[in-house]
Amino acid sequence: MMDTAEFQDLSAGATRLLLLLFRRHDGFNNGQIVCSKRDAMKWCHCTDRAALAYFKELQTSGLVTQTQKGRFRCFGNRGSYCTASTWRLDFL
């Protein structure tokens, strides 16, 4: 996989995010790998816009697919609801 043009054309931030997704893969959870924008921001030391751009770059390259879109909703004083996006590594 590392010898493919898709991998070699990735930016440094997208490569770092791909490593995070691969690190969270346990051999059985492909398609259910949980990774939020905040996780990406922390791991890649970047802004929210950059994290979203890295996710988009990985999807455009065909290396990963988003299987479920995350959500965050705030209900005022009643709290909030949050689910993280899930991902599949397409090269496995």
PDB file of N, CA and C in Angstrom:
ATOM      1  N   MET A   1       0.825  -1.188   0.000  1.00  0.00           N
ATOM      2  CA  MET A   1       0.000   0.000   0.000  1.00  0.00           C
ATOM      3  C   MET A   1       0.869   1.250   0.000  1.00  0.00           C
ATOM      4  N   MET A   2       1.967   1.209   0.712  1.00  0.00           N
ATOM      5  CA  MET A   2       2.814   2.400   0.801  1.00  0.00           C
ATOM      6  C   MET A   2       3.528   2.706  -0.508  1.00  0.00           C
ATOM      7  N   ASP A   3       3.576   1.744  -1.419  1.00  0.00           N
ATOM      8  CA  ASP A   3       4.206   1.965  -2.716  1.00  0.00           C
ATOM      9  C   ASP A   3       3.246   2.491  -3.767  1.00  0.00           C
ATOM     10  N   THR A   4       1.973   2.640  -3.419  1.00  0.00           N
ATOM     11  CA  THR A   4       0.990   3.119  -4.391  1.00  0.00           C
ATOM     12  C   THR A   4       1.097   4.633  -4.574  1.00  0.00           C
ATOM     13  N   ALA A   5       0.668   5.085  -5.720  1.00  0.00           N
ATOM     14  CA  ALA A   5       0.674   6.527  -6.006  1.00  0.00           C
ATOM     15  C   ALA A   5      -0.287   7.264  -5.084  1.00  0.00           C
ATOM     16  N   GLU A   6      -1.413   6.619  -4.729  1.00  0.00           N
ATOM     17  CA  GLU A   6      -2.388   7.256  -3.844  1.00  0.00           C
ATOM     18  C   GLU A   6      -1.768   7.598  -2.491  1.00  0.00           C
ATOM     19  N   PHE A   7      -0.996   6.684  -1.952  1.00  0.00           N
ATOM     20  CA  PHE A   7      -0.356   6.933  -0.659  1.00  0.00           C
ATOM     21  C   PHE A   7       0.747   7.971  -0.788  1.00  0.00           C
ATOM     22  N   GLN A   8       1.557   7.855  -1.795  1.00  0.00           N
ATOM     23  CA  GLN A   8       2.688   8.762  -1.959  1.00  0.00           C
ATOM     24  C   GLN A   8       2.266  10.189  -2.263  1.00  0.00           C
ATOM     25  N   ASP A   9       1.061  10.381  -2.788  1.00  0.00           N
ATOM     26  CA  ASP A   9       0.568  11.726  -3.102  1.00  0.00           C
ATOM     27  C   ASP A   9      -0.108  12.403  -1.924  1.00  0.00           C
ATOM     28  N   LEU A  10      -0.264  11.716  -0.789  1.00  0.00           N
ATOM     29  CA  LEU A  10      -0.918  12.301   0.375  1.00  0.00           C
ATOM     30  C   LEU A  10      -0.068  13.404   1.002  1.00  0.00           C
ATOM     31  N   SER A  11      -0.741  14.383   1.557  1.00  0.00           N
ATOM     32  CA  SER A  11      -0.048  15.415   2.325  1.00  0.00           C
ATOM     33  C   SER A  11       0.421  14.808   3.654  1.00  0.00           C
ATOM     34  N   ALA A  12       1.273  15.522   4.349  1.00  0.00           N
ATOM     35  CA  ALA A  12       1.782  15.030   5.634  1.00  0.00           C
ATOM     36  C   ALA A  12       0.656  14.867   6.646  1.00  0.00           C
ATOM     37  N   GLY A  13      -0.283  15.804   6.672  1.00  0.00           N
ATOM     38  CA  GLY A  13      -1.397  15.721   7.616  1.00  0.00           C
ATOM     39  C   GLY A  13      -2.312  14.544   7.331  1.00  0.00           C
ATOM     40  N   ALA A  14      -2.606  14.307   6.051  1.00  0.00           N
ATOM     41  CA  ALA A  14      -3.457  13.170   5.681  1.00  0.00           C
ATOM     42  C   ALA A  14      -2.760  11.850   5.995  1.00  0.00           C
ATOM     43  N   THR A  15      -1.455  11.801   5.802  1.00  0.00           N
ATOM     44  CA  THR A  15      -0.697  10.600   6.147  1.00  0.00           C
ATOM     45  C   THR A  15      -0.764  10.348   7.647  1.00  0.00           C
ATOM     46  N   ARG A  16      -0.629  11.388   8.417  1.00  0.00           N
ATOM     47  CA  ARG A  16      -0.709  11.267   9.871  1.00  0.00           C
ATOM     48  C   ARG A  16      -2.094  10.776  10.305  1.00  0.00           C
ATOM     49  N   LEU A  17      -3.144  11.292   9.675  1.00  0.00           N
ATOM     50  CA  LEU A  17      -4.500  10.859   9.996  1.00  0.00           C
ATOM     51  C   LEU A  17      -4.713   9.404   9.586  1.00  0.00           C
ATOM     52  N   LEU A  18      -4.176   9.000   8.462  1.00  0.00           N
ATOM     53  CA  LEU A  18      -4.268   7.605   8.038  1.00  0.00           C
ATOM     54  C   LEU A  18      -3.609   6.689   9.059  1.00  0.00           C
ATOM     55  N   LEU A  19      -2.498   7.111   9.623  1.00  0.00           N
ATOM     56  CA  LEU A  19      -1.836   6.322  10.669  1.00  0.00           C
ATOM     57  C   LEU A  19      -2.717   6.194  11.908  1.00  0.00           C
ATOM     58  N   LEU A  20      -3.443   7.254  12.251  1.00  0.00           N
ATOM     59  CA  LEU A  20      -4.365   7.180  13.383  1.00  0.00           C
ATOM     60  C   LEU A  20      -5.470   6.171  13.111  1.00  0.00           C
ATOM     61  N   LEU A  21      -6.055   6.220  11.930  1.00  0.00           N
ATOM     62  CA  LEU A  21      -7.108   5.264  11.591  1.00  0.00           C
ATOM     63  C   LEU A  21      -6.571   3.838  11.605  1.00  0.00           C
ATOM     64  N   PHE A  22      -5.382   3.640  11.063  1.00  0.00           N
ATOM     65  CA  PHE A  22      -4.777   2.304  11.047  1.00  0.00           C
ATOM     66  C   PHE A  22      -4.457   1.835  12.471  1.00  0.00           C
ATOM     67  N   ARG A  23      -4.054   2.751  13.314  1.00  0.00           N
ATOM     68  CA  ARG A  23      -3.742   2.412  14.702  1.00  0.00           C
ATOM     69  C   ARG A  23      -4.993   1.936  15.444  1.00  0.00           C
ATOM     70  N   ARG A  24      -6.138   2.505  15.098  1.00  0.00           N
ATOM     71  CA  ARG A  24      -7.397   2.136  15.755  1.00  0.00           C
ATOM     72  C   ARG A  24      -8.008   0.858  15.183  1.00  0.00           C
ATOM     73  N   HIS A  25      -7.471   0.372  14.078  1.00  0.00           N
ATOM     74  CA  HIS A  25      -7.961  -0.875  13.484  1.00  0.00           C
ATOM     75  C   HIS A  25      -7.430  -2.042  14.312  1.00  0.00           C
ATOM     76  N   ASP A  26      -8.338  -2.920  14.751  1.00  0.00           N
ATOM     77  CA  ASP A  26      -7.916  -4.038  15.595  1.00  0.00           C
ATOM     78  C   ASP A  26      -7.956  -5.383  14.870  1.00  0.00           C
ATOM     79  N   GLY A  27      -8.179  -5.371  13.571  1.00  0.00           N
ATOM     80  CA  GLY A  27      -8.244  -6.607  12.812  1.00  0.00           C
ATOM     81  C   GLY A  27      -9.669  -7.083  12.579  1.00  0.00           C
ATOM     82  N   PHE A  28     -10.613  -6.560  13.338  1.00  0.00           N
ATOM     83  CA  PHE A  28     -12.000  -7.001  13.233  1.00  0.00           C
ATOM     84  C   PHE A  28     -12.980  -5.847  13.037  1.00  0.00           C
ATOM     85  N   ASN A  29     -12.545  -4.613  13.225  1.00  0.00           N
ATOM     86  CA  ASN A  29     -13.470  -3.481  13.230  1.00  0.00           C
ATOM     87  C   ASN A  29     -13.419  -2.621  11.964  1.00  0.00           C
ATOM     88  N   ASN A  30     -12.915  -3.161  10.860  1.00  0.00           N
ATOM     89  CA  ASN A  30     -12.860  -2.366   9.638  1.00  0.00           C
ATOM     90  C   ASN A  30     -14.283  -2.030   9.206  1.00  0.00           C
ATOM     91  N   GLY A  31     -14.540  -0.774   8.963  1.00  0.00           N
ATOM     92  CA  GLY A  31     -15.873  -0.281   8.686  1.00  0.00           C
ATOM     93  C   GLY A  31     -16.523   0.295   9.927  1.00  0.00           C
ATOM     94  N   GLN A  32     -15.955   0.012  11.075  1.00  0.00           N
ATOM     95  CA  GLN A  32     -16.473   0.503  12.355  1.00  0.00           C
ATOM     96  C   GLN A  32     -15.393   1.247  13.144  1.00  0.00           C
ATOM     97  N   ILE A  33     -14.357   1.717  12.468  1.00  0.00           N
ATOM     98  CA  ILE A  33     -13.266   2.425  13.129  1.00  0.00           C
ATOM     99  C   ILE A  33     -13.764   3.818  13.504  1.00  0.00           C
ATOM    100  N   VAL A  34     -13.787   4.098  14.785  1.00  0.00           N
ATOM    101  CA  VAL A  34     -14.313   5.360  15.286  1.00  0.00           C
ATOM    102  C   VAL A  34     -13.216   6.423  15.272  1.00  0.00           C
ATOM    103  N   CYS A  35     -13.508   7.540  14.624  1.00  0.00           N
ATOM    104  CA  CYS A  35     -12.566   8.662  14.618  1.00  0.00           C
ATOM    105  C   CYS A  35     -13.335   9.944  14.325  1.00  0.00           C
ATOM    106  N   SER A  36     -13.317  10.845  15.268  1.00  0.00           N
ATOM    107  CA  SER A  36     -14.033  12.114  15.118  1.00  0.00           C
ATOM    108  C   SER A  36     -13.097  13.201  14.606  1.00  0.00           C
ATOM    109  N   LYS A  37     -13.697  14.316  14.257  1.00  0.00           N
ATOM    110  CA  LYS A  37     -12.913  15.478  13.837  1.00  0.00           C
ATOM    111  C   LYS A  37     -12.004  15.926  14.973  1.00  0.00           C
ATOM    112  N   ARG A  38     -12.517  15.899  16.201  1.00  0.00           N
ATOM    113  CA  ARG A  38     -11.701  16.304  17.354  1.00  0.00           C
ATOM    114  C   ARG A  38     -10.528  15.364  17.580  1.00  0.00           C
ATOM    115  N   ASP A  39     -10.762  14.065  17.367  1.00  0.00           N
ATOM    116  CA  ASP A  39      -9.655  13.102  17.467  1.00  0.00           C
ATOM    117  C   ASP A  39      -8.569  13.451  16.449  1.00  0.00           C
ATOM    118  N   ALA A  40      -9.005  13.744  15.219  1.00  0.00           N
ATOM    119  CA  ALA A  40      -8.048  14.090  14.161  1.00  0.00           C
ATOM    120  C   ALA A  40      -7.311  15.377  14.482  1.00  0.00           C
ATOM    121  N   MET A  41      -8.022  16.366  15.028  1.00  0.00           N
ATOM    122  CA  MET A  41      -7.386  17.632  15.382  1.00  0.00           C
ATOM    123  C   MET A  41      -6.299  17.419  16.439  1.00  0.00           C
ATOM    124  N   LYS A  42      -6.588  16.591  17.419  1.00  0.00           N
ATOM    125  CA  LYS A  42      -5.630  16.338  18.491  1.00  0.00           C
ATOM    126  C   LYS A  42      -4.422  15.563  17.969  1.00  0.00           C
ATOM    127  N   TRP A  43      -4.670  14.520  17.179  1.00  0.00           N
ATOM    128  CA  TRP A  43      -3.597  13.658  16.681  1.00  0.00           C
ATOM    129  C   TRP A  43      -2.705  14.394  15.679  1.00  0.00           C
ATOM    130  N   CYS A  44      -3.323  15.201  14.818  1.00  0.00           N
ATOM    131  CA  CYS A  44      -2.585  15.895  13.754  1.00  0.00           C
ATOM    132  C   CYS A  44      -2.113  17.292  14.155  1.00  0.00           C
ATOM    133  N   HIS A  45      -2.493  17.749  15.360  1.00  0.00           N
ATOM    134  CA  HIS A  45      -2.130  19.091  15.825  1.00  0.00           C
ATOM    135  C   HIS A  45      -2.536  20.135  14.794  1.00  0.00           C
ATOM    136  N   CYS A  46      -3.846  20.139  14.466  1.00  0.00           N
ATOM    137  CA  CYS A  46      -4.321  21.036  13.415  1.00  0.00           C
ATOM    138  C   CYS A  46      -5.667  21.647  13.790  1.00  0.00           C
ATOM    139  N   THR A  47      -6.144  22.523  12.936  1.00  0.00           N
ATOM    140  CA  THR A  47      -7.448  23.161  13.126  1.00  0.00           C
ATOM    141  C   THR A  47      -8.557  22.236  12.626  1.00  0.00           C
ATOM    142  N   ASP A  48      -9.794  22.631  12.894  1.00  0.00           N
ATOM    143  CA  ASP A  48     -10.912  21.812  12.437  1.00  0.00           C
ATOM    144  C   ASP A  48     -11.007  21.792  10.917  1.00  0.00           C
ATOM    145  N   ARG A  49     -10.730  22.903  10.274  1.00  0.00           N
ATOM    146  CA  ARG A  49     -10.751  22.941   8.804  1.00  0.00           C
ATOM    147  C   ARG A  49      -9.706  22.015   8.203  1.00  0.00           C
ATOM    148  N   ALA A  50      -8.525  22.008   8.787  1.00  0.00           N
ATOM    149  CA  ALA A  50      -7.463  21.138   8.278  1.00  0.00           C
ATOM    150  C   ALA A  50      -7.844  19.670   8.479  1.00  0.00           C
ATOM    151  N   ALA A  51      -8.405  19.334   9.637  1.00  0.00           N
ATOM    152  CA  ALA A  51      -8.805  17.948   9.907  1.00  0.00           C
ATOM    153  C   ALA A  51      -9.838  17.486   8.883  1.00  0.00           C
ATOM    154  N   LEU A  52     -10.823  18.323   8.604  1.00  0.00           N
ATOM    155  CA  LEU A  52     -11.828  17.962   7.600  1.00  0.00           C
ATOM    156  C   LEU A  52     -11.203  17.803   6.221  1.00  0.00           C
ATOM    157  N   ALA A  53     -10.237  18.649   5.910  1.00  0.00           N
ATOM    158  CA  ALA A  53      -9.542  18.551   4.624  1.00  0.00           C
ATOM    159  C   ALA A  53      -8.754  17.241   4.537  1.00  0.00           C
ATOM    160  N   TYR A  54      -8.143  16.815   5.636  1.00  0.00           N
ATOM    161  CA  TYR A  54      -7.403  15.551   5.639  1.00  0.00           C
ATOM    162  C   TYR A  54      -8.340  14.367   5.432  1.00  0.00           C
ATOM    163  N   PHE A  55      -9.502  14.384   6.097  1.00  0.00           N
ATOM    164  CA  PHE A  55     -10.485  13.318   5.882  1.00  0.00           C
ATOM    165  C   PHE A  55     -10.923  13.284   4.421  1.00  0.00           C
ATOM    166  N   LYS A  56     -11.190  14.456   3.849  1.00  0.00           N
ATOM    167  CA  LYS A  56     -11.618  14.528   2.455  1.00  0.00           C
ATOM    168  C   LYS A  56     -10.530  14.021   1.519  1.00  0.00           C
ATOM    169  N   GLU A  57      -9.284  14.385   1.808  1.00  0.00           N
ATOM    170  CA  GLU A  57      -8.160  13.937   0.985  1.00  0.00           C
ATOM    171  C   GLU A  57      -8.044  12.416   1.008  1.00  0.00           C
ATOM    172  N   LEU A  58      -8.210  11.821   2.186  1.00  0.00           N
ATOM    173  CA  LEU A  58      -8.137  10.360   2.295  1.00  0.00           C
ATOM    174  C   LEU A  58      -9.271   9.688   1.533  1.00  0.00           C
ATOM    175  N   GLN A  59     -10.465  10.280   1.596  1.00  0.00           N
ATOM    176  CA  GLN A  59     -11.596   9.708   0.867  1.00  0.00           C
ATOM    177  C   GLN A  59     -11.413   9.853  -0.644  1.00  0.00           C
ATOM    178  N   THR A  60     -10.930  11.002  -1.076  1.00  0.00           N
ATOM    179  CA  THR A  60     -10.707  11.249  -2.495  1.00  0.00           C
ATOM    180  C   THR A  60      -9.649  10.309  -3.063  1.00  0.00           C
ATOM    181  N   SER A  61      -8.648   9.984  -2.259  1.00  0.00           N
ATOM    182  CA  SER A  61      -7.584   9.091  -2.708  1.00  0.00           C
ATOM    183  C   SER A  61      -8.062   7.642  -2.813  1.00  0.00           C
ATOM    184  N   GLY A  62      -9.203   7.339  -2.189  1.00  0.00           N
ATOM    185  CA  GLY A  62      -9.718   5.976  -2.230  1.00  0.00           C
ATOM    186  C   GLY A  62      -9.145   5.068  -1.160  1.00  0.00           C
ATOM    187  N   LEU A  63      -8.416   5.632  -0.215  1.00  0.00           N
ATOM    188  CA  LEU A  63      -7.816   4.812   0.836  1.00  0.00           C
ATOM    189  C   LEU A  63      -8.774   4.530   1.985  1.00  0.00           C
ATOM    190  N   VAL A  64      -9.725   5.442   2.238  1.00  0.00           N
ATOM    191  CA  VAL A  64     -10.701   5.231   3.309  1.00  0.00           C
ATOM    192  C   VAL A  64     -12.097   5.625   2.817  1.00  0.00           C
ATOM    193  N   THR A  65     -13.096   5.067   3.490  1.00  0.00           N
ATOM    194  CA  THR A  65     -14.489   5.395   3.219  1.00  0.00           C
ATOM    195  C   THR A  65     -15.187   5.652   4.539  1.00  0.00           C
ATOM    196  N   GLN A  66     -15.973   6.702   4.579  1.00  0.00           N
ATOM    197  CA  GLN A  66     -16.769   6.985   5.769  1.00  0.00           C
ATOM    198  C   GLN A  66     -17.999   6.086   5.729  1.00  0.00           C
ATOM    199  N   THR A  67     -18.190   5.271   6.776  1.00  0.00           N
ATOM    200  CA  THR A  67     -19.326   4.358   6.811  1.00  0.00           C
ATOM    201  C   THR A  67     -20.502   4.935   7.588  1.00  0.00           C
ATOM    202  N   GLN A  68     -20.234   5.868   8.490  1.00  0.00           N
ATOM    203  CA  GLN A  68     -21.304   6.547   9.222  1.00  0.00           C
ATOM    204  C   GLN A  68     -20.836   7.950   9.563  1.00  0.00           C
ATOM    205  N   LYS A  69     -21.680   8.925   9.273  1.00  0.00           N
ATOM    206  CA  LYS A  69     -21.340  10.320   9.568  1.00  0.00           C
ATOM    207  C   LYS A  69     -21.650  10.625  11.022  1.00  0.00           C
ATOM    208  N   GLY A  70     -20.718  11.272  11.696  1.00  0.00           N
ATOM    209  CA  GLY A  70     -20.908  11.646  13.089  1.00  0.00           C
ATOM    210  C   GLY A  70     -21.847  12.825  13.232  1.00  0.00           C
ATOM    211  N   ARG A  71     -22.389  12.981  14.434  1.00  0.00           N
ATOM    212  CA  ARG A  71     -23.318  14.076  14.720  1.00  0.00           C
ATOM    213  C   ARG A  71     -23.018  14.657  16.085  1.00  0.00           C
ATOM    214  N   PHE A  72     -23.271  15.947  16.208  1.00  0.00           N
ATOM    215  CA  PHE A  72     -23.209  16.612  17.512  1.00  0.00           C
ATOM    216  C   PHE A  72     -24.401  17.539  17.602  1.00  0.00           C
ATOM    217  N   ARG A  73     -25.212  17.340  18.619  1.00  0.00           N
ATOM    218  CA  ARG A  73     -26.387  18.195  18.822  1.00  0.00           C
ATOM    219  C   ARG A  73     -26.427  18.635  20.265  1.00  0.00           C
ATOM    220  N   CYS A  74     -26.697  19.895  20.460  1.00  0.00           N
ATOM    221  CA  CYS A  74     -26.804  20.449  21.801  1.00  0.00           C
ATOM    222  C   CYS A  74     -28.275  20.762  22.069  1.00  0.00           C
ATOM    223  N   PHE A  75     -28.780  20.318  23.207  1.00  0.00           N
ATOM    224  CA  PHE A  75     -30.175  20.511  23.575  1.00  0.00           C
ATOM    225  C   PHE A  75     -30.328  21.532  24.690  1.00  0.00           C
ATOM    226  N   GLY A  76     -29.517  22.561  24.692  1.00  0.00           N
ATOM    227  CA  GLY A  76     -29.602  23.598  25.719  1.00  0.00           C
ATOM    228  C   GLY A  76     -29.229  23.054  27.084  1.00  0.00           C
ATOM    229  N   ASN A  77     -30.096  23.236  28.055  1.00  0.00           N
ATOM    230  CA  ASN A  77     -29.823  22.795  29.430  1.00  0.00           C
ATOM    231  C   ASN A  77     -29.926  21.286  29.603  1.00  0.00           C
ATOM    232  N   ARG A  78     -30.507  20.595  28.626  1.00  0.00           N
ATOM    233  CA  ARG A  78     -30.703  19.147  28.759  1.00  0.00           C
ATOM    234  C   ARG A  78     -29.476  18.350  28.359  1.00  0.00           C
ATOM    235  N   GLY A  79     -28.442  18.979  27.902  1.00  0.00           N
ATOM    236  CA  GLY A  79     -27.218  18.267  27.543  1.00  0.00           C
ATOM    237  C   GLY A  79     -26.994  18.226  26.047  1.00  0.00           C
ATOM    238  N   SER A  80     -26.200  17.269  25.621  1.00  0.00           N
ATOM    239  CA  SER A  80     -25.873  17.157  24.205  1.00  0.00           C
ATOM    240  C   SER A  80     -25.833  15.687  23.797  1.00  0.00           C
ATOM    241  N   TYR A  81     -25.851  15.484  22.497  1.00  0.00           N
ATOM    242  CA  TYR A  81     -25.828  14.159  21.908  1.00  0.00           C
ATOM    243  C   TYR A  81     -24.696  14.136  20.902  1.00  0.00           C
ATOM    244  N   CYS A  82     -23.852  13.126  20.963  1.00  0.00           N
ATOM    245  CA  CYS A  82     -22.689  13.090  20.086  1.00  0.00           C
ATOM    246  C   CYS A  82     -22.403  11.663  19.639  1.00  0.00           C
ATOM    247  N   THR A  83     -22.200  11.472  18.352  1.00  0.00           N
ATOM    248  CA  THR A  83     -21.694  10.214  17.826  1.00  0.00           C
ATOM    249  C   THR A  83     -20.540  10.549  16.891  1.00  0.00           C
ATOM    250  N   ALA A  84     -19.490   9.779  16.963  1.00  0.00           N
ATOM    251  CA  ALA A  84     -18.336  10.002  16.100  1.00  0.00           C
ATOM    252  C   ALA A  84     -18.528   9.276  14.774  1.00  0.00           C
ATOM    253  N   SER A  85     -17.880   9.759  13.746  1.00  0.00           N
ATOM    254  CA  SER A  85     -17.914   9.099  12.442  1.00  0.00           C
ATOM    255  C   SER A  85     -17.174   7.775  12.522  1.00  0.00           C
ATOM    256  N   THR A  86     -17.598   6.837  11.671  1.00  0.00           N
ATOM    257  CA  THR A  86     -16.885   5.562  11.570  1.00  0.00           C
ATOM    258  C   THR A  86     -16.315   5.433  10.161  1.00  0.00           C
ATOM    259  N   TRP A  87     -15.222   4.683  10.060  1.00  0.00           N
ATOM    260  CA  TRP A  87     -14.433   4.633   8.831  1.00  0.00           C
ATOM    261  C   TRP A  87     -14.040   3.206   8.467  1.00  0.00           C
ATOM    262  N   ARG A  88     -13.812   2.998   7.183  1.00  0.00           N
ATOM    263  CA  ARG A  88     -13.296   1.717   6.671  1.00  0.00           C
ATOM    264  C   ARG A  88     -11.992   1.985   5.920  1.00  0.00           C
ATOM    265  N   LEU A  89     -10.996   1.185   6.175  1.00  0.00           N
ATOM    266  CA  LEU A  89      -9.737   1.257   5.437  1.00  0.00           C
ATOM    267  C   LEU A  89      -9.906   0.408   4.184  1.00  0.00           C
ATOM    268  N   ASP A  90      -9.883   1.024   3.031  1.00  0.00           N
ATOM    269  CA  ASP A  90     -10.189   0.317   1.787  1.00  0.00           C
ATOM    270  C   ASP A  90      -9.014  -0.491   1.228  1.00  0.00           C
ATOM    271  N   PHE A  91      -7.854  -0.337   1.796  1.00  0.00           N
ATOM    272  CA  PHE A  91      -6.692  -1.056   1.279  1.00  0.00           C
ATOM    273  C   PHE A  91      -6.466  -2.381   1.986  1.00  0.00           C
ATOM    274  N   LEU A  92      -7.283  -2.700   2.971  1.00  0.00           N
ATOM    275  CA  LEU A  92      -7.133  -3.978   3.696  1.00  0.00           C
ATOM    276  C   LEU A  92      -7.952  -5.061   3.051  1.00  0.00           C
TER     277      LEU A  92
END
